[in-house]
N, C-alpha and C. Protein backbone atom coordinates (compact mmCIF):
# COMPACT_ATOMS: atom_id res chain seq x y z
N UNK A 1 1.01 -0.81 0.00
CA UNK A 1 -0.39 -0.01 0.45
C UNK A 1 0.72 1.05 0.00
N UNK A 2 0.91 2.02 -1.18
CA UNK A 2 1.42 3.28 -0.61
C UNK A 2 1.11 4.67 0.40
N UNK A 3 1.90 5.76 0.64
CA UNK A 3 1.46 5.96 1.29
C UNK A 3 0.31 6.79 0.83
N UNK A 4 -0.24 7.62 -0.02
CA UNK A 4 -1.19 8.44 -0.76
C UNK A 4 -3.19 7.26 -0.72
N UNK A 5 -2.55 6.16 -1.05
CA UNK A 5 -3.93 4.64 -1.08
C UNK A 5 -4.58 4.48 0.53
N UNK A 6 -3.42 4.63 1.30
CA UNK A 6 -4.05 4.61 2.65
C UNK A 6 -5.27 5.45 3.41
N UNK A 7 -4.97 6.37 2.64
CA UNK A 7 -6.30 8.24 3.47
C UNK A 7 -7.31 7.66 2.12
N UNK A 8 -7.39 7.35 1.05
CA UNK A 8 -8.10 7.05 0.19
C UNK A 8 -9.15 5.72 0.59
N UNK A 9 -8.22 4.91 1.56
CA UNK A 9 -8.89 3.48 2.10
C UNK A 9 -9.61 3.98 3.68
N UNK A 10 -9.01 4.41 3.55
CA UNK A 10 -9.87 5.21 5.16
C UNK A 10 -11.44 5.97 4.45
N UNK A 11 -10.79 7.23 3.79
CA UNK A 11 -12.17 7.28 2.81
C UNK A 11 -13.21 6.93 2.69
N UNK A 12 -12.86 5.22 1.50
CA UNK A 12 -13.64 4.53 1.02
C UNK A 12 -14.69 4.21 2.47
N UNK A 13 -13.59 3.73 3.32
CA UNK A 13 -14.23 2.92 4.35
C UNK A 13 -15.94 3.64 5.52
N UNK A 14 -14.91 4.87 5.20
CA UNK A 14 -16.03 6.04 6.16
C UNK A 14 -17.21 6.14 5.42
N UNK A 15 -16.61 6.23 3.98
CA UNK A 15 -18.08 6.89 3.30
C UNK A 15 -18.61 5.69 3.67
N UNK A 16 -18.41 4.01 2.95
CA UNK A 16 -19.44 2.62 3.19
C UNK A 16 -19.77 2.56 4.87
N UNK A 17 -19.28 3.42 5.70
CA UNK A 17 -20.07 3.25 6.62
C UNK A 17 -20.90 4.26 7.56
N UNK A 18 -20.56 5.57 6.60
CA UNK A 18 -21.27 6.57 6.62
C UNK A 18 -22.72 6.20 5.80
N UNK A 19 -22.69 5.14 4.87
CA UNK A 19 -23.89 4.83 3.98
C UNK A 19 -24.64 3.70 4.74
N UNK A 20 -23.57 3.12 5.89
CA UNK A 20 -25.01 1.75 6.20
C UNK A 20 -25.49 2.99 7.63
N UNK A 21 -24.93 3.66 7.74
CA UNK A 21 -25.80 4.32 9.28
C UNK A 21 -27.36 5.12 8.57
N UNK A 22 -27.28 5.41 7.16
CA UNK A 22 -28.74 5.95 6.43
C UNK A 22 -29.02 4.69 5.93
N UNK A 23 -28.85 3.85 5.43
CA UNK A 23 -29.55 3.15 5.11
C UNK A 23 -30.40 2.11 6.44
N UNK A 24 -31.75 1.77 5.51
CA UNK A 24 -33.03 1.40 5.82
C UNK A 24 -32.64 0.10 6.96
N UNK A 25 -33.90 -0.15 7.88
CA UNK A 25 -33.59 -1.28 8.43
C UNK A 25 -34.01 -2.70 7.54
N UNK A 26 -34.73 -2.68 6.61
CA UNK A 26 -35.53 -4.00 5.93
C UNK A 26 -33.73 -4.38 5.29
N UNK A 27 -33.00 -2.98 4.55
CA UNK A 27 -31.53 -3.57 3.47
C UNK A 27 -30.55 -4.00 4.46
N UNK A 28 -30.98 -3.24 5.96
CA UNK A 28 -29.46 -4.27 6.64
C UNK A 28 -29.40 -5.59 6.64
N UNK A 29 -31.07 -5.47 7.66
CA UNK A 29 -31.92 -6.66 7.60
C UNK A 29 -31.06 -7.89 6.70
N UNK A 30 -31.93 -7.54 5.40
CA UNK A 30 -31.17 -8.36 4.17
C UNK A 30 -30.15 -9.42 3.96
N UNK A 31 -28.93 -8.15 4.19
CA UNK A 31 -27.57 -8.19 4.02
C UNK A 31 -27.41 -9.05 5.93
N UNK A 32 -28.16 -8.85 6.71
CA UNK A 32 -27.11 -9.32 7.73
C UNK A 32 -27.92 -11.25 7.63
N UNK A 33 -29.07 -10.96 6.98
CA UNK A 33 -30.18 -12.83 6.63
C UNK A 33 -28.72 -13.19 6.08
N UNK A 34 -28.43 -13.04 4.61
CA UNK A 34 -28.14 -13.40 3.58
C UNK A 34 -26.74 -13.34 3.33
N UNK A 35 -25.65 -12.57 3.64
CA UNK A 35 -24.17 -12.83 3.79
C UNK A 35 -24.15 -12.20 5.06
N UNK A 36 -24.25 -12.48 6.06
CA UNK A 36 -24.20 -12.11 7.50
C UNK A 36 -22.63 -11.12 7.47
N UNK A 37 -23.53 -9.99 7.04
CA UNK A 37 -22.32 -8.74 6.86
C UNK A 37 -22.83 -8.22 8.39
N UNK A 38 -21.50 -8.65 8.82
CA UNK A 38 -21.20 -7.81 10.34
C UNK A 38 -21.23 -6.27 10.35
N UNK A 39 -21.20 -5.73 9.05
CA UNK A 39 -21.04 -3.97 9.37
C UNK A 39 -22.41 -3.94 9.57
N UNK A 40 -23.53 -4.59 8.89
CA UNK A 40 -25.12 -4.48 8.99
C UNK A 40 -25.03 -4.44 10.11
N UNK A 41 -25.14 -5.42 10.85
CA UNK A 41 -25.58 -6.37 12.28
C UNK A 41 -24.84 -5.17 13.09
N UNK A 42 -23.52 -4.53 13.06
CA UNK A 42 -22.92 -3.54 13.78
C UNK A 42 -24.04 -2.47 13.90
N UNK A 43 -24.65 -1.93 13.00
CA UNK A 43 -25.81 -0.70 12.52
C UNK A 43 -26.99 -0.60 13.49
N UNK A 44 -27.94 -2.15 13.05
CA UNK A 44 -28.45 -2.33 13.57
C UNK A 44 -28.64 -2.88 15.37
N UNK A 45 -27.26 -3.04 15.92
CA UNK A 45 -27.19 -3.30 17.16
C UNK A 45 -27.42 -1.23 17.62
N UNK A 46 -26.30 -0.74 17.28
CA UNK A 46 -26.13 1.06 17.22
C UNK A 46 -27.40 1.33 17.36
N UNK A 47 -28.04 1.43 16.23
CA UNK A 47 -29.21 2.15 16.30
C UNK A 47 -30.46 0.88 17.36
N UNK A 48 -30.83 -0.26 17.67
CA UNK A 48 -31.55 -0.54 18.01
C UNK A 48 -31.36 -0.63 19.55
N UNK A 49 -29.71 -0.49 19.95
CA UNK A 49 -29.24 -1.13 21.49
C UNK A 49 -30.43 -0.26 22.65
N UNK A 50 -30.13 1.16 22.38
CA UNK A 50 -30.85 1.93 23.27
C UNK A 50 -32.26 1.29 23.94
N UNK A 51 -33.42 0.85 22.62
CA UNK A 51 -34.76 0.59 22.73
C UNK A 51 -34.40 -0.82 23.35
N UNK A 52 -33.65 -1.66 22.99
CA UNK A 52 -33.30 -3.08 23.85
C UNK A 52 -33.06 -2.78 24.87
N UNK A 53 -32.35 -1.81 25.51
CA UNK A 53 -31.91 -2.27 26.59
C UNK A 53 -32.85 -0.98 27.79
N UNK A 54 -33.64 -0.35 27.21
CA UNK A 54 -34.85 -0.16 27.48
C UNK A 54 -36.35 -0.66 28.31
N UNK A 55 -36.36 -1.38 27.36
CA UNK A 55 -36.84 -2.62 27.36
C UNK A 55 -36.47 -3.76 28.23
N UNK A 56 -35.18 -3.96 28.51
CA UNK A 56 -35.24 -5.10 29.94
C UNK A 56 -34.91 -4.33 30.91
N UNK A 57 -34.67 -2.82 30.89
CA UNK A 57 -34.72 -2.00 32.13
C UNK A 57 -36.25 -1.65 33.18
N UNK A 58 -36.75 -1.92 32.09
CA UNK A 58 -38.67 -1.96 32.18
C UNK A 58 -38.89 -2.72 33.34
N UNK A 59 -38.28 -4.02 33.17
CA UNK A 59 -38.81 -5.25 33.80
C UNK A 59 -37.57 -5.89 34.94
N UNK A 60 -36.64 -5.35 34.62
CA UNK A 60 -35.41 -5.86 35.77
C UNK A 60 -34.99 -4.29 36.21
N UNK A 61 -34.48 -4.51 37.22
CA UNK A 61 -33.58 -3.58 38.01
C UNK A 61 -31.72 -3.90 38.37
N UNK A 62 -31.33 -5.71 38.65
CA UNK A 62 -30.14 -5.58 38.99
C UNK A 62 -29.24 -5.00 37.52
N UNK A 63 -28.57 -4.30 37.54
CA UNK A 63 -27.81 -4.07 36.35
C UNK A 63 -26.83 -5.17 35.63
N UNK A 64 -26.20 -6.28 36.68
CA UNK A 64 -26.00 -7.44 36.07
C UNK A 64 -27.03 -8.05 34.69
N UNK A 65 -28.41 -8.36 35.66
CA UNK A 65 -29.52 -9.44 34.67
C UNK A 65 -29.81 -8.21 33.38
N UNK A 66 -29.80 -6.93 33.60
CA UNK A 66 -30.18 -5.89 32.67
C UNK A 66 -29.12 -6.31 31.59
N UNK A 67 -27.80 -6.29 32.29
CA UNK A 67 -26.83 -6.36 31.02
C UNK A 67 -27.06 -7.57 30.38
N UNK A 68 -27.23 -8.89 30.75
CA UNK A 68 -27.48 -10.50 30.61
C UNK A 68 -28.79 -10.43 29.60
N UNK A 69 -29.40 -9.39 29.56
CA UNK A 69 -30.81 -9.63 29.53
C UNK A 69 -30.20 -8.90 27.71
N UNK A 70 -29.71 -7.65 27.73
CA UNK A 70 -29.06 -7.14 26.58
C UNK A 70 -28.54 -7.62 25.69
N UNK A 71 -27.36 -8.64 26.05
CA UNK A 71 -26.74 -9.59 25.55
C UNK A 71 -27.52 -11.00 25.09
N UNK A 72 -28.63 -11.33 25.29
CA UNK A 72 -29.21 -12.50 25.51
C UNK A 72 -29.91 -11.89 23.96
N UNK A 73 -30.66 -10.60 24.58
CA UNK A 73 -31.71 -10.52 23.52
C UNK A 73 -30.67 -10.30 21.72
N UNK A 74 -29.83 -9.67 21.44
CA UNK A 74 -28.93 -9.67 20.19
C UNK A 74 -28.35 -11.23 19.99
N UNK A 75 -27.83 -11.73 20.89
CA UNK A 75 -28.00 -13.70 20.76
C UNK A 75 -28.78 -14.01 20.11
N UNK A 76 -30.30 -14.24 20.30
CA UNK A 76 -31.24 -14.78 19.38
C UNK A 76 -31.29 -13.67 18.33
N UNK A 77 -31.46 -12.62 18.14
CA UNK A 77 -31.37 -11.85 17.58
C UNK A 77 -30.57 -12.49 15.87
N UNK A 78 -28.85 -12.88 16.42
CA UNK A 78 -28.35 -13.38 15.60
C UNK A 78 -28.28 -14.59 15.23
N UNK A 79 -29.08 -15.55 15.79
CA UNK A 79 -29.53 -16.69 16.42
C UNK A 79 -31.00 -17.13 14.56
N UNK A 80 -31.63 -16.11 14.91
CA UNK A 80 -33.13 -15.71 14.50
C UNK A 80 -33.43 -15.12 13.77
N UNK A 81 -32.46 -14.66 12.93
CA UNK A 81 -33.10 -13.48 11.85
C UNK A 81 -33.68 -13.53 11.03
N UNK A 82 -33.70 -14.89 10.86
CA UNK A 82 -34.64 -15.23 9.45
C UNK A 82 -35.53 -15.08 9.56
N UNK A 83 -36.24 -15.01 11.31
CA UNK A 83 -37.48 -15.87 11.70
C UNK A 83 -37.99 -13.80 11.41
N UNK A 84 -37.21 -12.98 11.61
CA UNK A 84 -37.96 -11.52 11.16
C UNK A 84 -39.35 -11.47 10.19
N UNK A 85 -39.92 -11.03 9.46
CA UNK A 85 -40.31 -10.99 8.68
C UNK A 85 -40.55 -9.92 7.67
N UNK A 86 -40.54 -9.88 6.52
CA UNK A 86 -40.15 -8.72 5.88
C UNK A 86 -41.66 -8.17 6.30
N UNK A 87 -41.28 -6.97 6.13
CA UNK A 87 -41.92 -5.62 6.20
C UNK A 87 -42.07 -5.53 7.89
N UNK A 88 -41.87 -6.09 9.47
CA UNK A 88 -41.73 -6.48 10.27
C UNK A 88 -40.55 -5.58 10.73
N UNK A 89 -41.20 -4.10 11.71
CA UNK A 89 -39.97 -3.37 11.93
C UNK A 89 -39.05 -4.25 12.72
N UNK A 90 -37.48 -4.24 12.39
CA UNK A 90 -36.19 -4.84 13.55
C UNK A 90 -37.05 -4.63 14.78
N UNK A 91 -37.22 -2.91 14.98
CA UNK A 91 -37.21 -2.90 16.33
C UNK A 91 -37.81 -3.47 17.26
N UNK A 92 -39.19 -3.35 16.74
CA UNK A 92 -40.13 -4.14 17.06
C UNK A 92 -39.68 -6.07 17.71
N UNK A 93 -39.19 -5.64 16.34
CA UNK A 93 -38.76 -7.15 16.95
C UNK A 93 -38.20 -7.34 17.88
N UNK A 94 -36.59 -6.92 18.22
CA UNK A 94 -35.74 -6.61 19.10
C UNK A 94 -36.84 -6.42 20.40
N UNK A 95 -37.13 -5.18 20.35
CA UNK A 95 -38.16 -4.84 21.32
C UNK A 95 -38.47 -5.83 22.22
N UNK A 96 -39.39 -6.74 21.41
CA UNK A 96 -40.81 -8.09 22.11
C UNK A 96 -39.31 -9.23 22.17
N UNK A 97 -38.27 -8.91 21.51
CA UNK A 97 -37.66 -10.11 22.28
C UNK A 97 -36.85 -9.95 23.52
N UNK A 98 -36.89 -8.38 23.68
CA UNK A 98 -35.61 -8.34 24.49
C UNK A 98 -36.87 -8.74 26.17
N UNK A 99 -38.17 -7.98 25.84
CA UNK A 99 -38.80 -7.87 26.52
C UNK A 99 -39.45 -9.54 27.10
N UNK A 100 -39.58 -10.58 26.11
CA UNK A 100 -39.83 -11.56 26.80
C UNK A 100 -37.96 -12.76 27.42
N UNK A 101 -37.11 -11.95 26.99
CA UNK A 101 -35.60 -12.25 27.90
C UNK A 101 -35.55 -11.83 29.01
N UNK A 102 -35.84 -10.60 29.08
CA UNK A 102 -35.50 -9.45 30.38
C UNK A 102 -36.90 -10.58 31.57
N UNK A 103 -38.46 -11.48 30.94
CA UNK A 103 -38.86 -11.44 31.52
C UNK A 103 -38.54 -13.27 32.28
N UNK A 104 -38.35 -13.54 31.46
CA UNK A 104 -37.31 -14.99 32.22
C UNK A 104 -36.32 -14.69 32.63
N UNK A 105 -35.59 -13.56 32.66
CA UNK A 105 -34.52 -13.74 33.57
C UNK A 105 -34.92 -13.11 34.42
N UNK A 106 -35.64 -12.04 34.82
CA UNK A 106 -36.32 -11.91 36.12
C UNK A 106 -37.16 -13.20 37.02
N UNK A 107 -38.07 -13.93 36.47
CA UNK A 107 -38.24 -15.19 36.92
C UNK A 107 -37.38 -16.18 37.33
N UNK A 108 -36.10 -16.18 36.73
CA UNK A 108 -35.32 -17.32 37.38
C UNK A 108 -34.52 -16.42 38.48
N UNK A 109 -34.61 -15.16 38.97
CA UNK A 109 -33.89 -14.95 39.77
C UNK A 109 -35.02 -15.32 40.45
N UNK A 110 -36.06 -15.01 40.55
CA UNK A 110 -37.28 -14.88 41.90
C UNK A 110 -36.61 -16.62 42.08
N UNK A 111 -36.96 -17.31 41.18
CA UNK A 111 -36.85 -18.87 41.31
C UNK A 111 -35.76 -19.27 42.35
N UNK A 112 -34.84 -18.36 42.26
CA UNK A 112 -33.39 -18.47 43.03
C UNK A 112 -33.29 -18.17 44.25
N UNK A 113 -33.82 -16.93 44.46
CA UNK A 113 -34.19 -16.33 45.77
C UNK A 113 -34.66 -16.87 46.07
N UNK A 114 -35.67 -17.60 45.71
CA UNK A 114 -36.82 -17.95 47.24
C UNK A 114 -36.36 -19.92 47.35
N UNK A 115 -35.46 -20.44 46.33
CA UNK A 115 -34.56 -21.77 46.48
C UNK A 115 -33.77 -20.95 47.72
N UNK A 116 -33.08 -20.24 47.75
CA UNK A 116 -31.76 -19.75 48.71
C UNK A 116 -32.59 -19.34 49.55
N UNK A 117 -33.89 -18.84 49.60
CA UNK A 117 -34.62 -18.12 50.87
C UNK A 117 -35.46 -19.18 52.10
N UNK A 118 -35.61 -20.75 51.24
CA UNK A 118 -35.22 -21.79 51.67
C UNK A 118 -34.20 -22.41 52.12
N UNK A 119 -33.09 -22.69 51.62
CA UNK A 119 -31.77 -22.61 52.18
C UNK A 119 -31.22 -22.01 53.80
N UNK A 120 -31.53 -20.58 53.36
CA UNK A 120 -31.04 -20.23 54.64
C UNK A 120 -32.20 -20.18 55.99
N UNK A 121 -33.31 -20.99 55.43
CA UNK A 121 -34.50 -20.59 56.50
C UNK A 121 -33.73 -22.11 57.38
N UNK A 122 -33.25 -23.25 56.55
CA UNK A 122 -33.03 -24.68 57.44
C UNK A 122 -31.56 -24.57 58.25
N UNK A 123 -31.10 -22.99 57.64
CA UNK A 123 -29.45 -23.46 58.07
C UNK A 123 -29.67 -23.05 59.46
N UNK A 124 -28.99 -23.03 60.25
CA UNK A 124 -29.35 -22.79 62.08
C UNK A 124 -28.46 -21.21 61.98
N UNK A 125 -29.06 -19.95 62.37
CA UNK A 125 -28.49 -18.90 62.46
C UNK A 125 -26.75 -19.31 63.43
N UNK A 126 -26.02 -18.48 63.31
CA UNK A 126 -24.34 -18.64 63.29
C UNK A 126 -24.55 -17.53 64.53
N UNK A 127 -23.92 -18.42 65.89
CA UNK A 127 -24.09 -17.91 67.09
C UNK A 127 -23.40 -16.47 67.02
N UNK A 128 -23.54 -15.52 67.86
CA UNK A 128 -22.48 -14.18 67.67
C UNK A 128 -21.67 -14.56 68.86
N UNK A 129 -20.32 -13.81 68.52
CA UNK A 129 -19.42 -14.01 68.77
C UNK A 129 -19.27 -14.12 70.69
N UNK A 130 -20.01 -13.17 71.02
CA UNK A 130 -19.96 -13.12 72.48
C UNK A 130 -20.60 -15.12 72.98
N UNK A 131 -21.56 -15.46 72.41
CA UNK A 131 -21.80 -16.70 72.70
C UNK A 131 -21.15 -17.95 72.43
N UNK A 132 -20.03 -17.85 71.33
CA UNK A 132 -19.02 -18.63 71.00
C UNK A 132 -18.33 -18.34 72.12
N UNK A 133 -17.82 -17.15 72.28
CA UNK A 133 -16.69 -17.11 73.83
C UNK A 133 -17.42 -18.25 75.49
N UNK A 134 -18.92 -17.16 74.98
CA UNK A 134 -19.18 -17.69 77.16
C UNK A 134 -19.08 -19.32 76.53
N UNK A 135 -19.39 -20.15 75.63
CA UNK A 135 -19.29 -21.71 75.68
C UNK A 135 -18.50 -22.19 75.77
N UNK A 136 -16.62 -20.91 74.82
CA UNK A 136 -15.80 -21.87 75.32
C UNK A 136 -14.93 -21.78 76.60
N UNK A 137 -15.61 -20.47 77.38
CA UNK A 137 -14.78 -20.15 78.48
C UNK A 137 -15.74 -21.55 79.09
N UNK A 138 -17.07 -21.93 78.89
CA UNK A 138 -17.27 -22.93 80.56
C UNK A 138 -16.75 -24.20 80.24
N UNK A 139 -16.73 -24.43 78.56
CA UNK A 139 -15.78 -25.80 78.47
C UNK A 139 -14.59 -25.93 79.07
N UNK A 140 -13.73 -24.94 78.90
CA UNK A 140 -12.57 -24.46 79.72
C UNK A 140 -12.49 -24.67 81.55
N UNK A 141 -13.62 -23.98 81.85
CA UNK A 141 -14.00 -24.13 83.11
C UNK A 141 -14.58 -25.69 83.82
N UNK A 142 -15.22 -26.38 82.96
CA UNK A 142 -15.88 -27.46 82.85
C UNK A 142 -14.22 -28.61 82.99
N UNK A 143 -13.86 -28.57 82.11
CA UNK A 143 -12.19 -29.18 82.31
C UNK A 143 -11.32 -29.06 83.28
N UNK A 144 -11.06 -28.43 83.51
CA UNK A 144 -10.93 -28.01 85.27
C UNK A 144 -11.24 -28.62 86.36
N UNK A 145 -12.65 -29.44 86.29
CA UNK A 145 -13.03 -29.76 87.69
C UNK A 145 -12.80 -30.66 87.41
N UNK A 146 -12.79 -31.82 88.36
CA UNK A 146 -12.52 -33.18 89.18
C UNK A 146 -13.06 -33.82 88.09
N UNK A 147 -12.86 -34.54 87.39
CA UNK A 147 -13.71 -36.06 87.24
C UNK A 147 -15.04 -36.49 87.77
N UNK A 148 -14.37 -36.46 88.97
CA UNK A 148 -15.75 -37.30 89.57
C UNK A 148 -17.02 -35.85 89.83
N UNK A 149 -16.33 -34.60 89.14
CA UNK A 149 -17.81 -33.32 89.42
C UNK A 149 -18.40 -33.00 87.58
N UNK A 150 -17.03 -33.43 87.19
CA UNK A 150 -17.12 -32.64 85.13
C UNK A 150 -18.14 -33.80 84.69
N UNK A 151 -17.38 -35.00 84.99
CA UNK A 151 -18.44 -36.55 83.73
C UNK A 151 -19.82 -36.09 84.57
N UNK A 152 -20.63 -36.29 85.54
CA UNK A 152 -22.04 -35.98 85.40
C UNK A 152 -22.62 -35.41 85.20
N UNK A 153 -22.03 -33.79 85.13
CA UNK A 153 -22.31 -32.27 84.27
C UNK A 153 -22.49 -32.63 82.96
N UNK A 154 -21.23 -33.06 82.21
CA UNK A 154 -21.51 -33.70 80.82
C UNK A 154 -22.28 -34.59 80.42
N UNK A 155 -22.61 -35.12 81.20
CA UNK A 155 -23.95 -36.60 80.39
C UNK A 155 -25.00 -36.22 80.44
N UNK A 156 -25.24 -35.21 81.56
CA UNK A 156 -26.30 -35.13 82.39
C UNK A 156 -27.17 -33.23 81.64
N UNK A 157 -26.06 -33.43 80.93
CA UNK A 157 -26.38 -30.76 80.21
C UNK A 157 -25.98 -31.32 79.56
N UNK A 158 -24.84 -31.73 78.77
CA UNK A 158 -23.88 -32.17 77.51
C UNK A 158 -25.20 -32.78 76.80
N UNK A 159 -24.55 -33.83 77.05
CA UNK A 159 -24.99 -34.92 76.65
C UNK A 159 -26.62 -35.38 76.90
N UNK A 160 -27.22 -34.92 78.01
CA UNK A 160 -28.78 -35.00 77.49
C UNK A 160 -29.20 -36.43 78.37
N UNK A 161 -28.35 -37.04 78.88
CA UNK A 161 -28.44 -38.51 80.10
C UNK A 161 -29.51 -37.55 80.72
N UNK A 162 -30.39 -38.97 81.37
CA UNK A 162 -31.06 -38.24 82.82
C UNK A 162 -30.10 -38.71 83.78
N UNK A 163 -30.45 -38.88 84.86
CA UNK A 163 -29.23 -39.25 85.80
C UNK A 163 -29.84 -40.33 86.33
N UNK A 164 -30.95 -41.34 85.82
CA UNK A 164 -30.51 -42.87 86.30
C UNK A 164 -29.91 -43.07 85.00
N UNK A 165 -29.77 -42.55 83.59
CA UNK A 165 -28.83 -43.13 82.84
C UNK A 165 -27.46 -42.65 83.30
N UNK A 166 -27.07 -41.19 83.28
CA UNK A 166 -25.58 -40.95 84.05
C UNK A 166 -25.21 -42.04 85.26
N UNK A 167 -25.62 -42.15 85.97
CA UNK A 167 -25.85 -43.59 87.48
C UNK A 167 -25.40 -44.84 86.69
N UNK A 168 -26.08 -44.82 85.18
CA UNK A 168 -25.78 -46.63 84.59
C UNK A 168 -23.85 -46.61 84.08
N UNK A 169 -24.12 -45.42 83.65
CA UNK A 169 -22.63 -45.35 83.00
C UNK A 169 -21.40 -45.14 83.56
N UNK A 170 -21.99 -44.41 85.43
CA UNK A 170 -20.89 -44.26 85.73
C UNK A 170 -20.27 -45.29 87.00
N UNK A 171 -21.40 -46.05 86.47
CA UNK A 171 -21.39 -46.95 88.06
C UNK A 171 -21.82 -46.42 89.66
N UNK A 172 -22.13 -45.56 89.61
CA UNK A 172 -23.18 -45.27 90.85
C UNK A 172 -24.20 -44.29 91.39
N UNK A 173 -24.64 -44.67 91.87
CA UNK A 173 -25.99 -44.60 93.05
C UNK A 173 -26.33 -43.57 92.14
N UNK A 174 -27.86 -43.75 92.12
CA UNK A 174 -28.32 -42.42 91.50
C UNK A 174 -28.62 -40.85 92.47
N UNK A 175 -28.33 -40.84 94.18
CA UNK A 175 -28.60 -40.49 94.97
C UNK A 175 -26.38 -39.52 94.81
N UNK A 176 -25.94 -40.92 94.29
CA UNK A 176 -24.48 -39.93 94.56
C UNK A 176 -24.18 -39.25 92.90
N UNK A 177 -25.10 -39.20 92.31
CA UNK A 177 -25.05 -38.59 90.95
C UNK A 177 -25.62 -37.32 91.07
N UNK A 178 -26.58 -37.19 91.77
CA UNK A 178 -27.47 -36.06 92.21
C UNK A 178 -26.18 -35.26 93.07
N UNK A 179 -25.60 -35.43 94.14
CA UNK A 179 -24.79 -34.88 95.10
C UNK A 179 -24.08 -33.96 94.56
N UNK A 180 -23.40 -35.08 93.36
CA UNK A 180 -22.37 -34.54 92.36
C UNK A 180 -22.30 -33.43 91.12
N UNK A 181 -23.75 -33.94 91.28
CA UNK A 181 -24.39 -32.65 90.02
C UNK A 181 -24.09 -31.54 90.51
N UNK A 182 -24.78 -31.45 91.96
CA UNK A 182 -25.38 -30.41 92.69
C UNK A 182 -23.74 -29.33 93.24
N UNK A 183 -22.47 -30.23 93.55
CA UNK A 183 -21.21 -29.99 93.94
C UNK A 183 -20.84 -29.53 92.52
N UNK A 184 -20.50 -30.27 91.92
CA UNK A 184 -20.01 -29.72 90.65
C UNK A 184 -21.02 -28.32 89.75
N UNK A 185 -22.35 -28.23 89.48
CA UNK A 185 -22.96 -27.19 89.41
C UNK A 185 -22.04 -25.59 90.64
N UNK A 186 -22.21 -25.95 91.95
CA UNK A 186 -22.02 -25.00 92.61
C UNK A 186 -20.21 -24.41 92.20
N UNK A 187 -19.40 -25.25 92.21
CA UNK A 187 -18.10 -25.04 92.08
C UNK A 187 -17.78 -24.72 90.28
N UNK A 188 -18.62 -25.16 89.56
CA UNK A 188 -18.73 -24.47 88.29
C UNK A 188 -18.98 -23.11 88.64
N UNK A 189 -20.64 -22.79 89.39
CA UNK A 189 -20.73 -21.04 88.94
C UNK A 189 -19.81 -20.57 89.98
N UNK A 190 -19.05 -21.06 90.94
CA UNK A 190 -17.94 -20.04 91.48
C UNK A 190 -16.72 -19.85 90.05
N UNK A 191 -16.35 -20.49 89.37
CA UNK A 191 -14.93 -20.70 89.06
C UNK A 191 -15.84 -19.37 88.04
N UNK A 192 -17.51 -19.40 87.12
CA UNK A 192 -17.54 -18.93 86.18
C UNK A 192 -17.48 -17.43 86.87
N UNK A 193 -17.84 -17.51 88.01
CA UNK A 193 -18.01 -15.25 89.11
C UNK A 193 -16.75 -15.04 89.11
N UNK A 194 -15.62 -15.86 89.06
CA UNK A 194 -14.47 -15.64 89.25
C UNK A 194 -13.90 -14.41 87.62
N UNK A 195 -14.12 -15.19 86.96
CA UNK A 195 -13.74 -15.01 85.06
C UNK A 195 -14.80 -13.29 84.61
């Protein structure tokens, strides 16, 4: 390419693009459908993009969902441009596609949020830090008690055994378990009060 030919090529390209900008939708659609002309597609996107974006914004509020629906509408156009009937307004067809895509996106988001909401209600709430600290302190002080007091407390209060069951496991009488529980609670209360 000679130095003089480059400006001429740029000029011809600009003139071709300017011609495309003024071309009717029907001509651009025909060029895109028949020859997959990327310049025609680009002009249609620039021309009808704001209307497609507006259709998506009327249905959706999340910016990421709006962008996804906008892109999906033009992907549908890429795939189904042949379904635009002759004489049908490309803008109206794209607006309808964008509206339907946005409605499906909104329904999908609502389903996701419902499923996530159900999953959240099934989970137990995280205990706050002070509860975790209190549990850690309680276990620390329980571990410091002598076994004869600690074991009945753990079996009855942490593992949920009855006094009779704890007595059976520890091979003690029911009275001995009652006394050790009472003394163990008293010692634990004193230790916790010191902290």
